[in-house]
C-alpha atoms as a PDB file:
ATOM      1  CA  UNK A   1     138.670  -2.731 -83.781  1.00  0.00           C
ATOM      2  CA  UNK A   2     140.240  -6.093 -82.379  1.00  0.00           C
ATOM      3  CA  UNK A   3     138.631  -8.093 -79.765  1.00  0.00           C
ATOM      4  CA  UNK A   4     139.299  -8.894 -76.266  1.00  0.00           C
ATOM      5  CA  UNK A   5     141.181 -11.910 -77.749  1.00  0.00           C
ATOM      6  CA  UNK A   6     142.738 -10.631 -81.107  1.00  0.00           C
ATOM      7  CA  UNK A   7     142.435  -8.347 -83.793  1.00  0.00           C
ATOM      8  CA  UNK A   8     140.578  -9.063 -86.731  1.00  0.00           C
ATOM      9  CA  UNK A   9     140.891 -10.424 -89.755  1.00  0.00           C
ATOM     10  CA  UNK A  10     143.669  -8.011 -91.322  1.00  0.00           C
ATOM     11  CA  UNK A  11     143.014  -6.576 -95.282  1.00  0.00           C
ATOM     12  CA  UNK A  12     145.133  -8.707 -96.834  1.00  0.00           C
ATOM     13  CA  UNK A  13     143.408 -11.848 -95.831  1.00  0.00           C
ATOM     14  CA  UNK A  14     140.310 -10.337 -96.478  1.00  0.00           C
ATOM     15  CA  UNK A  15     141.228  -9.411 -99.989  1.00  0.00           C
ATOM     16  CA  UNK A  16     142.793 -12.566-100.408  1.00  0.00           C
ATOM     17  CA  UNK A  17     140.098 -14.190 -99.859  1.00  0.00           C
ATOM     18  CA  UNK A  18     137.586 -12.231-101.602  1.00  0.00           C
ATOM     19  CA  UNK A  19     139.419 -12.987-104.992  1.00  0.00           C
ATOM     20  CA  UNK A  20     139.278 -16.526-104.573  1.00  0.00           C
ATOM     21  CA  UNK A  21     135.305 -16.316-104.070  1.00  0.00           C
ATOM     22  CA  UNK A  22     135.513 -13.687-107.518  1.00  0.00           C
ATOM     23  CA  UNK A  23     136.838 -15.751-109.488  1.00  0.00           C
ATOM     24  CA  UNK A  24     135.429 -18.970-108.908  1.00  0.00           C
ATOM     25  CA  UNK A  25     131.980 -17.341-109.234  1.00  0.00           C
ATOM     26  CA  UNK A  26     133.518 -15.759-112.599  1.00  0.00           C
ATOM     27  CA  UNK A  27     134.587 -19.842-113.168  1.00  0.00           C
ATOM     28  CA  UNK A  28     137.451 -17.804-114.548  1.00  0.00           C
ATOM     29  CA  UNK A  29     141.266 -19.626-113.566  1.00  0.00           C
ATOM     30  CA  UNK A  30     142.935 -18.000-110.299  1.00  0.00           C
ATOM     31  CA  UNK A  31     145.924 -15.711-110.854  1.00  0.00           C
ATOM     32  CA  UNK A  32     149.035 -17.390-109.828  1.00  0.00           C
ATOM     33  CA  UNK A  33     148.792 -15.439-106.137  1.00  0.00           C
ATOM     34  CA  UNK A  34     145.165 -16.378-105.412  1.00  0.00           C
ATOM     35  CA  UNK A  35     146.413 -19.846-105.896  1.00  0.00           C
ATOM     36  CA  UNK A  36     148.550 -19.299-102.989  1.00  0.00           C
ATOM     37  CA  UNK A  37     147.122 -20.788 -99.096  1.00  0.00           C
ATOM     38  CA  UNK A  38     147.698 -17.703 -97.991  1.00  0.00           C
ATOM     39  CA  UNK A  39     148.042 -13.925 -98.865  1.00  0.00           C
ATOM     40  CA  UNK A  40     151.477 -11.985 -98.654  1.00  0.00           C
ATOM     41  CA  UNK A  41     151.731  -9.795 -95.839  1.00  0.00           C
ATOM     42  CA  UNK A  42     154.966  -7.404 -95.710  1.00  0.00           C
ATOM     43  CA  UNK A  43     154.886  -5.239 -92.118  1.00  0.00           C
ATOM     44  CA  UNK A  44     157.819  -2.497 -91.311  1.00  0.00           C
ATOM     45  CA  UNK A  45     158.969  -3.541 -88.294  1.00  0.00           C
ATOM     46  CA  UNK A  46     159.903  -0.516 -85.813  1.00  0.00           C
ATOM     47  CA  UNK A  47     162.258  -0.310 -83.051  1.00  0.00           C
ATOM     48  CA  UNK A  48     161.325  -2.724 -79.815  1.00  0.00           C
ATOM     49  CA  UNK A  49     162.035  -5.094 -77.548  1.00  0.00           C
ATOM     50  CA  UNK A  50     161.169  -8.582 -75.918  1.00  0.00           C
ATOM     51  CA  UNK A  51     161.503  -9.211 -72.349  1.00  0.00           C
ATOM     52  CA  UNK A  52     161.770 -11.808 -70.092  1.00  0.00           C
ATOM     53  CA  UNK A  53     159.073 -11.934 -66.718  1.00  0.00           C
ATOM     54  CA  UNK A  54     162.044 -10.609 -64.451  1.00  0.00           C
ATOM     55  CA  UNK A  55     162.789  -7.860 -66.612  1.00  0.00           C
ATOM     56  CA  UNK A  56     159.236  -6.475 -66.588  1.00  0.00           C
ATOM     57  CA  UNK A  57     159.223  -6.600 -63.014  1.00  0.00           C
ATOM     58  CA  UNK A  58     162.455  -4.766 -62.511  1.00  0.00           C
ATOM     59  CA  UNK A  59     160.848  -2.550 -64.573  1.00  0.00           C
ATOM     60  CA  UNK A  60     157.767  -1.959 -63.336  1.00  0.00           C
ATOM     61  CA  UNK A  61     157.573  -3.502 -60.261  1.00  0.00           C
ATOM     62  CA  UNK A  62     156.442  -6.980 -58.784  1.00  0.00           C
ATOM     63  CA  UNK A  63     153.491  -8.562 -60.413  1.00  0.00           C
ATOM     64  CA  UNK A  64     154.048  -6.346 -63.522  1.00  0.00           C
ATOM     65  CA  UNK A  65     152.375  -8.402 -66.579  1.00  0.00           C
ATOM     66  CA  UNK A  66     152.387  -6.561 -70.300  1.00  0.00           C
ATOM     67  CA  UNK A  67     149.374  -5.506 -71.190  1.00  0.00           C
ATOM     68  CA  UNK A  68     147.609  -5.344 -74.531  1.00  0.00           C
ATOM     69  CA  UNK A  69     148.200  -1.444 -76.727  1.00  0.00           C
ATOM     70  CA  UNK A  70     147.966  -3.512 -80.137  1.00  0.00           C
ATOM     71  CA  UNK A  71     147.540  -7.119 -81.460  1.00  0.00           C
ATOM     72  CA  UNK A  72     149.693  -8.181 -84.170  1.00  0.00           C
ATOM     73  CA  UNK A  73     149.342  -9.814 -87.184  1.00  0.00           C
ATOM     74  CA  UNK A  74     150.906 -13.152 -85.692  1.00  0.00           C
ATOM     75  CA  UNK A  75     148.565 -14.688 -83.363  1.00  0.00           C
ATOM     76  CA  UNK A  76     149.225 -14.091 -79.982  1.00  0.00           C
ATOM     77  CA  UNK A  77     151.532 -11.571 -80.493  1.00  0.00           C
ATOM     78  CA  UNK A  78     151.393  -7.758 -79.257  1.00  0.00           C
ATOM     79  CA  UNK A  79     152.533  -4.811 -79.348  1.00  0.00           C
ATOM     80  CA  UNK A  80     152.180  -3.687 -74.734  1.00  0.00           C
ATOM     81  CA  UNK A  81     150.918  -0.744 -73.559  1.00  0.00           C
ATOM     82  CA  UNK A  82     154.074  -0.683 -71.516  1.00  0.00           C
ATOM     83  CA  UNK A  83     157.581   1.556 -72.976  1.00  0.00           C
ATOM     84  CA  UNK A  84     160.940   1.667 -71.440  1.00  0.00           C
ATOM     85  CA  UNK A  85     164.025   4.428 -72.281  1.00  0.00           C
ATOM     86  CA  UNK A  86     166.430   2.790 -73.505  1.00  0.00           C
ATOM     87  CA  UNK A  87     170.554   4.500 -72.552  1.00  0.00           C
ATOM     88  CA  UNK A  88     173.212   3.791 -75.104  1.00  0.00           C
ATOM     89  CA  UNK A  89     176.833   4.806 -75.318  1.00  0.00           C
ATOM     90  CA  UNK A  90     177.612   8.319 -74.090  1.00  0.00           C
ATOM     91  CA  UNK A  91     174.380   7.989 -72.369  1.00  0.00           C
ATOM     92  CA  UNK A  92     172.010   9.058 -75.430  1.00  0.00           C
ATOM     93  CA  UNK A  93     169.121   7.477 -74.904  1.00  0.00           C
ATOM     94  CA  UNK A  94     165.602   6.505 -76.799  1.00  0.00           C
ATOM     95  CA  UNK A  95     161.971   6.666 -74.891  1.00  0.00           C
ATOM     96  CA  UNK A  96     158.902   5.158 -75.197  1.00  0.00           C
ATOM     97  CA  UNK A  97     160.544   1.990 -76.799  1.00  0.00           C
ATOM     98  CA  UNK A  98     157.931   0.105 -77.341  1.00  0.00           C
ATOM     99  CA  UNK A  99     157.858  -4.128 -75.722  1.00  0.00           C
ATOM    100  CA  UNK A 100     156.299  -7.114 -78.016  1.00  0.00           C
ATOM    101  CA  UNK A 101     154.627  -9.904 -75.584  1.00  0.00           C
ATOM    102  CA  UNK A 102     154.123 -12.071 -74.572  1.00  0.00           C
ATOM    103  CA  UNK A 103     157.304 -12.403 -72.201  1.00  0.00           C
ATOM    104  CA  UNK A 104     160.172 -14.434 -73.948  1.00  0.00           C
ATOM    105  CA  UNK A 105     162.756 -16.427 -71.992  1.00  0.00           C
ATOM    106  CA  UNK A 106     165.580 -13.366 -73.244  1.00  0.00           C
ATOM    107  CA  UNK A 107     165.784  -9.705 -73.070  1.00  0.00           C
ATOM    108  CA  UNK A 108     166.524  -8.719 -77.008  1.00  0.00           C
ATOM    109  CA  UNK A 109     166.167  -4.817 -78.193  1.00  0.00           C
ATOM    110  CA  UNK A 110     165.980  -4.432 -82.265  1.00  0.00           C
ATOM    111  CA  UNK A 111     167.073  -1.171 -84.014  1.00  0.00           C
ATOM    112  CA  UNK A 112     167.698  -0.537 -87.368  1.00  0.00           C
ATOM    113  CA  UNK A 113     170.851   0.787 -88.103  1.00  0.00           C
ATOM    114  CA  UNK A 114     169.799   4.406 -88.350  1.00  0.00           C
ATOM    115  CA  UNK A 115     168.993   4.364 -84.711  1.00  0.00           C
ATOM    116  CA  UNK A 116     172.403   2.891 -84.082  1.00  0.00           C
ATOM    117  CA  UNK A 117     174.161   5.642 -85.209  1.00  0.00           C
ATOM    118  CA  UNK A 118     172.100   8.033 -83.714  1.00  0.00           C
ATOM    119  CA  UNK A 119     172.749   6.517 -80.310  1.00  0.00           C
ATOM    120  CA  UNK A 120     176.360   5.605 -80.772  1.00  0.00           C
ATOM    121  CA  UNK A 121     176.451   2.300 -81.272  1.00  0.00           C
ATOM    122  CA  UNK A 122     178.109  -0.609 -83.446  1.00  0.00           C
ATOM    123  CA  UNK A 123     175.627  -3.695 -83.963  1.00  0.00           C
ATOM    124  CA  UNK A 124     175.498  -6.888 -85.674  1.00  0.00           C
ATOM    125  CA  UNK A 125     172.915  -8.490 -88.027  1.00  0.00           C
ATOM    126  CA  UNK A 126     171.469 -11.370 -86.257  1.00  0.00           C
ATOM    127  CA  UNK A 127     168.413 -13.765 -86.455  1.00  0.00           C
ATOM    128  CA  UNK A 128     166.141 -12.925 -83.507  1.00  0.00           C
ATOM    129  CA  UNK A 129     167.447 -15.030 -80.781  1.00  0.00           C
ATOM    130  CA  UNK A 130     171.504 -14.784 -82.235  1.00  0.00           C
ATOM    131  CA  UNK A 131     172.030 -11.983 -79.294  1.00  0.00           C
ATOM    132  CA  UNK A 132     176.032 -13.856 -78.073  1.00  0.00           C
ATOM    133  CA  UNK A 133     178.406 -11.206 -78.347  1.00  0.00           C
ATOM    134  CA  UNK A 134     176.679  -8.613 -79.146  1.00  0.00           C
ATOM    135  CA  UNK A 135     176.678  -4.907 -77.521  1.00  0.00           C
ATOM    136  CA  UNK A 136     174.298  -4.575 -74.590  1.00  0.00           C
ATOM    137  CA  UNK A 137     172.297  -1.344 -73.128  1.00  0.00           C
ATOM    138  CA  UNK A 138     170.717  -0.179 -70.415  1.00  0.00           C
ATOM    139  CA  UNK A 139     166.975  -0.226 -69.982  1.00  0.00           C
ATOM    140  CA  UNK A 140     164.777   2.665 -67.613  1.00  0.00           C
ATOM    141  CA  UNK A 141     161.032   1.967 -66.395  1.00  0.00           C
ATOM    142  CA  UNK A 142     159.269   3.988 -64.173  1.00  0.00           C
ATOM    143  CA  UNK A 143     160.509   1.113 -61.061  1.00  0.00           C
ATOM    144  CA  UNK A 144     164.097   1.080 -61.859  1.00  0.00           C
ATOM    145  CA  UNK A 145     166.492   0.606 -64.056  1.00  0.00           C
ATOM    146  CA  UNK A 146     167.830  -3.072 -66.372  1.00  0.00           C
ATOM    147  CA  UNK A 147     171.019  -3.829 -67.038  1.00  0.00           C
ATOM    148  CA  UNK A 148     171.376  -5.747 -70.469  1.00  0.00           C
ATOM    149  CA  UNK A 149     174.331  -7.331 -70.641  1.00  0.00           C
ATOM    150  CA  UNK A 150     173.987  -8.038 -74.367  1.00  0.00           C
ATOM    151  CA  UNK A 151     170.993  -8.562 -76.565  1.00  0.00           C
ATOM    152  CA  UNK A 152     170.927  -5.154 -79.230  1.00  0.00           C
ATOM    153  CA  UNK A 153     170.871  -5.888 -82.624  1.00  0.00           C
ATOM    154  CA  UNK A 154     169.228  -5.269 -86.215  1.00  0.00           C
ATOM    155  CA  UNK A 155     167.597  -8.540 -86.683  1.00  0.00           C
ATOM    156  CA  UNK A 156     167.671  -9.924 -90.223  1.00  0.00           C
ATOM    157  CA  UNK A 157     165.288  -9.324 -92.571  1.00  0.00           C
ATOM    158  CA  UNK A 158     163.372 -12.682 -92.765  1.00  0.00           C
ATOM    159  CA  UNK A 159     159.580 -13.976 -93.778  1.00  0.00           C
ATOM    160  CA  UNK A 160     157.537 -16.482 -91.548  1.00  0.00           C
ATOM    161  CA  UNK A 161     155.686 -19.165 -93.366  1.00  0.00           C
ATOM    162  CA  UNK A 162     153.697 -21.847 -92.054  1.00  0.00           C
ATOM    163  CA  UNK A 163     154.790 -25.126 -93.508  1.00  0.00           C
ATOM    164  CA  UNK A 164     152.166 -24.992 -95.729  1.00  0.00           C
ATOM    165  CA  UNK A 165     153.476 -21.943 -97.237  1.00  0.00           C
ATOM    166  CA  UNK A 166     157.327 -23.393 -97.681  1.00  0.00           C
ATOM    167  CA  UNK A 167     155.649 -25.971 -99.440  1.00  0.00           C
ATOM    168  CA  UNK A 168     154.092 -23.773-102.151  1.00  0.00           C
ATOM    169  CA  UNK A 169     157.465 -21.779-102.034  1.00  0.00           C
ATOM    170  CA  UNK A 170     159.364 -24.652-102.499  1.00  0.00           C
ATOM    171  CA  UNK A 171     162.049 -23.795 -99.491  1.00  0.00           C
ATOM    172  CA  UNK A 172     162.775 -24.759 -96.167  1.00  0.00           C
ATOM    173  CA  UNK A 173     163.792 -23.062 -92.872  1.00  0.00           C
ATOM    174  CA  UNK A 174     166.641 -21.646 -92.745  1.00  0.00           C
ATOM    175  CA  UNK A 175     166.298 -20.755 -96.839  1.00  0.00           C
ATOM    176  CA  UNK A 176     166.999 -17.247 -98.524  1.00  0.00           C
ATOM    177  CA  UNK A 177     164.826 -15.729-100.878  1.00  0.00           C
ATOM    178  CA  UNK A 178     164.162 -12.139-101.886  1.00  0.00           C
ATOM    179  CA  UNK A 179     161.399  -9.690-101.352  1.00  0.00           C
ATOM    180  CA  UNK A 180     160.212  -7.983-104.801  1.00  0.00           C
ATOM    181  CA  UNK A 181     158.633  -4.382-103.777  1.00  0.00           C
ATOM    182  CA  UNK A 182     156.484  -2.618-106.079  1.00  0.00           C
ATOM    183  CA  UNK A 183     155.101   0.941-106.763  1.00  0.00           C
ATOM    184  CA  UNK A 184     156.862   4.425-107.337  1.00  0.00           C
ATOM    185  CA  UNK A 185     160.542   3.547-105.381  1.00  0.00           C
ATOM    186  CA  UNK A 186     160.376  -0.072-106.700  1.00  0.00           C
ATOM    187  CA  UNK A 187     163.581  -2.305-105.178  1.00  0.00           C
ATOM    188  CA  UNK A 188     164.124  -5.678-104.452  1.00  0.00           C
ATOM    189  CA  UNK A 189     165.909  -6.940-101.110  1.00  0.00           C
ATOM    190  CA  UNK A 190     167.965  -9.630-101.291  1.00  0.00           C
ATOM    191  CA  UNK A 191     169.046 -12.510 -98.227  1.00  0.00           C
ATOM    192  CA  UNK A 192     165.424 -12.918 -96.768  1.00  0.00           C
ATOM    193  CA  UNK A 193     165.728 -15.447 -93.859  1.00  0.00           C
ATOM    194  CA  UNK A 194     162.648 -17.788 -93.999  1.00  0.00           C
ATOM    195  CA  UNK A 195     161.454 -19.091 -90.727  1.00  0.00           C
ATOM    196  CA  UNK A 196     158.997 -21.531 -90.568  1.00  0.00           C
ATOM    197  CA  UNK A 197     157.127 -23.085 -87.936  1.00  0.00           C
ATOM    198  CA  UNK A 198     153.203 -24.958 -87.494  1.00  0.00           C
ATOM    199  CA  UNK A 199     152.187 -21.602 -85.698  1.00  0.00           C
ATOM    200  CA  UNK A 200     153.160 -18.561 -88.359  1.00  0.00           C
ATOM    201  CA  UNK A 201     151.388 -16.916 -90.521  1.00  0.00           C
ATOM    202  CA  UNK A 202     152.796 -15.433 -93.862  1.00  0.00           C
ATOM    203  CA  UNK A 203     154.408 -12.832 -92.636  1.00  0.00           C
ATOM    204  CA  UNK A 204     157.449 -10.636 -93.784  1.00  0.00           C
ATOM    205  CA  UNK A 205     159.100  -7.943 -91.286  1.00  0.00           C
ATOM    206  CA  UNK A 206     161.189  -5.109 -92.541  1.00  0.00           C
ATOM    207  CA  UNK A 207     163.309  -2.718 -90.263  1.00  0.00           C
ATOM    208  CA  UNK A 208     162.440   1.126 -90.904  1.00  0.00           C
ATOM    209  CA  UNK A 209     165.084   2.137 -92.891  1.00  0.00           C
ATOM    210  CA  UNK A 210     163.680  -0.662 -95.026  1.00  0.00           C
ATOM    211  CA  UNK A 211     160.273   0.207 -95.050  1.00  0.00           C
ATOM    212  CA  UNK A 212     161.411   3.834 -95.924  1.00  0.00           C
ATOM    213  CA  UNK A 213     163.971   3.330 -98.518  1.00  0.00           C
ATOM    214  CA  UNK A 214     161.183   1.797-100.854  1.00  0.00           C
ATOM    215  CA  UNK A 215     157.990   3.795 -99.398  1.00  0.00           C
ATOM    216  CA  UNK A 216     156.544   0.641 -98.655  1.00  0.00           C
ATOM    217  CA  UNK A 217     151.999   1.243 -97.990  1.00  0.00           C
ATOM    218  CA  UNK A 218     149.525  -1.114 -97.916  1.00  0.00           C
ATOM    219  CA  UNK A 219     149.026  -0.670-101.307  1.00  0.00           C
ATOM    220  CA  UNK A 220     152.161  -1.808-102.531  1.00  0.00           C
ATOM    221  CA  UNK A 221     152.439  -4.697-104.282  1.00  0.00           C
ATOM    222  CA  UNK A 222     154.924  -7.524-103.023  1.00  0.00           C
ATOM    223  CA  UNK A 223     156.302 -10.683-104.454  1.00  0.00           C
ATOM    224  CA  UNK A 224     158.449 -13.454-102.588  1.00  0.00           C
ATOM    225  CA  UNK A 225     160.847 -14.955-105.302  1.00  0.00           C
ATOM    226  CA  UNK A 226     163.133 -17.493-104.861  1.00  0.00           C
END
């Protein structure tokens, strides 16, 4: 259960610490994965949206603010209790579209390609925040409608890294890596965008199409490679 100020440590973090402790106690050399400064966490990012404070007030009423439904792995990020209905071309809709908080300085909807096909969208593959020239949509909340002139994308698969993680993996912001995913549906995802910031923890985001293709589970072995 998450606390009022944030989540408990992720399973991968606890396993990483225990593994390092056990090898140290046994006096054995650490395997390569255990020498990394941080454990690798791979999460499937389901369709969602990011909104400005102004958009939240239009959709949910004057003075409305996002409230925490579930804390995410990245510090300070959360899935909000609030959801909206997305109205796409030809009035096709997705209901209960989750908002991720806290609020941002732009409005953006992130869908998988299967979502966009169902809605009748032709959406581009973009880095988050790069929304110029992208399709728009209408969002509906309990207090009103909010029209987005642009901002509907499929987000590029990417890995968040703290500078110490980037140094360990010998990459920099903007580089591309590969993610090797094991298990019965093993595959390798190319062109994994590297994003580096002191506020980041080591975390890969793939969408539901990619997660379903490899049947990603909490125990599925994953490895970042150049």
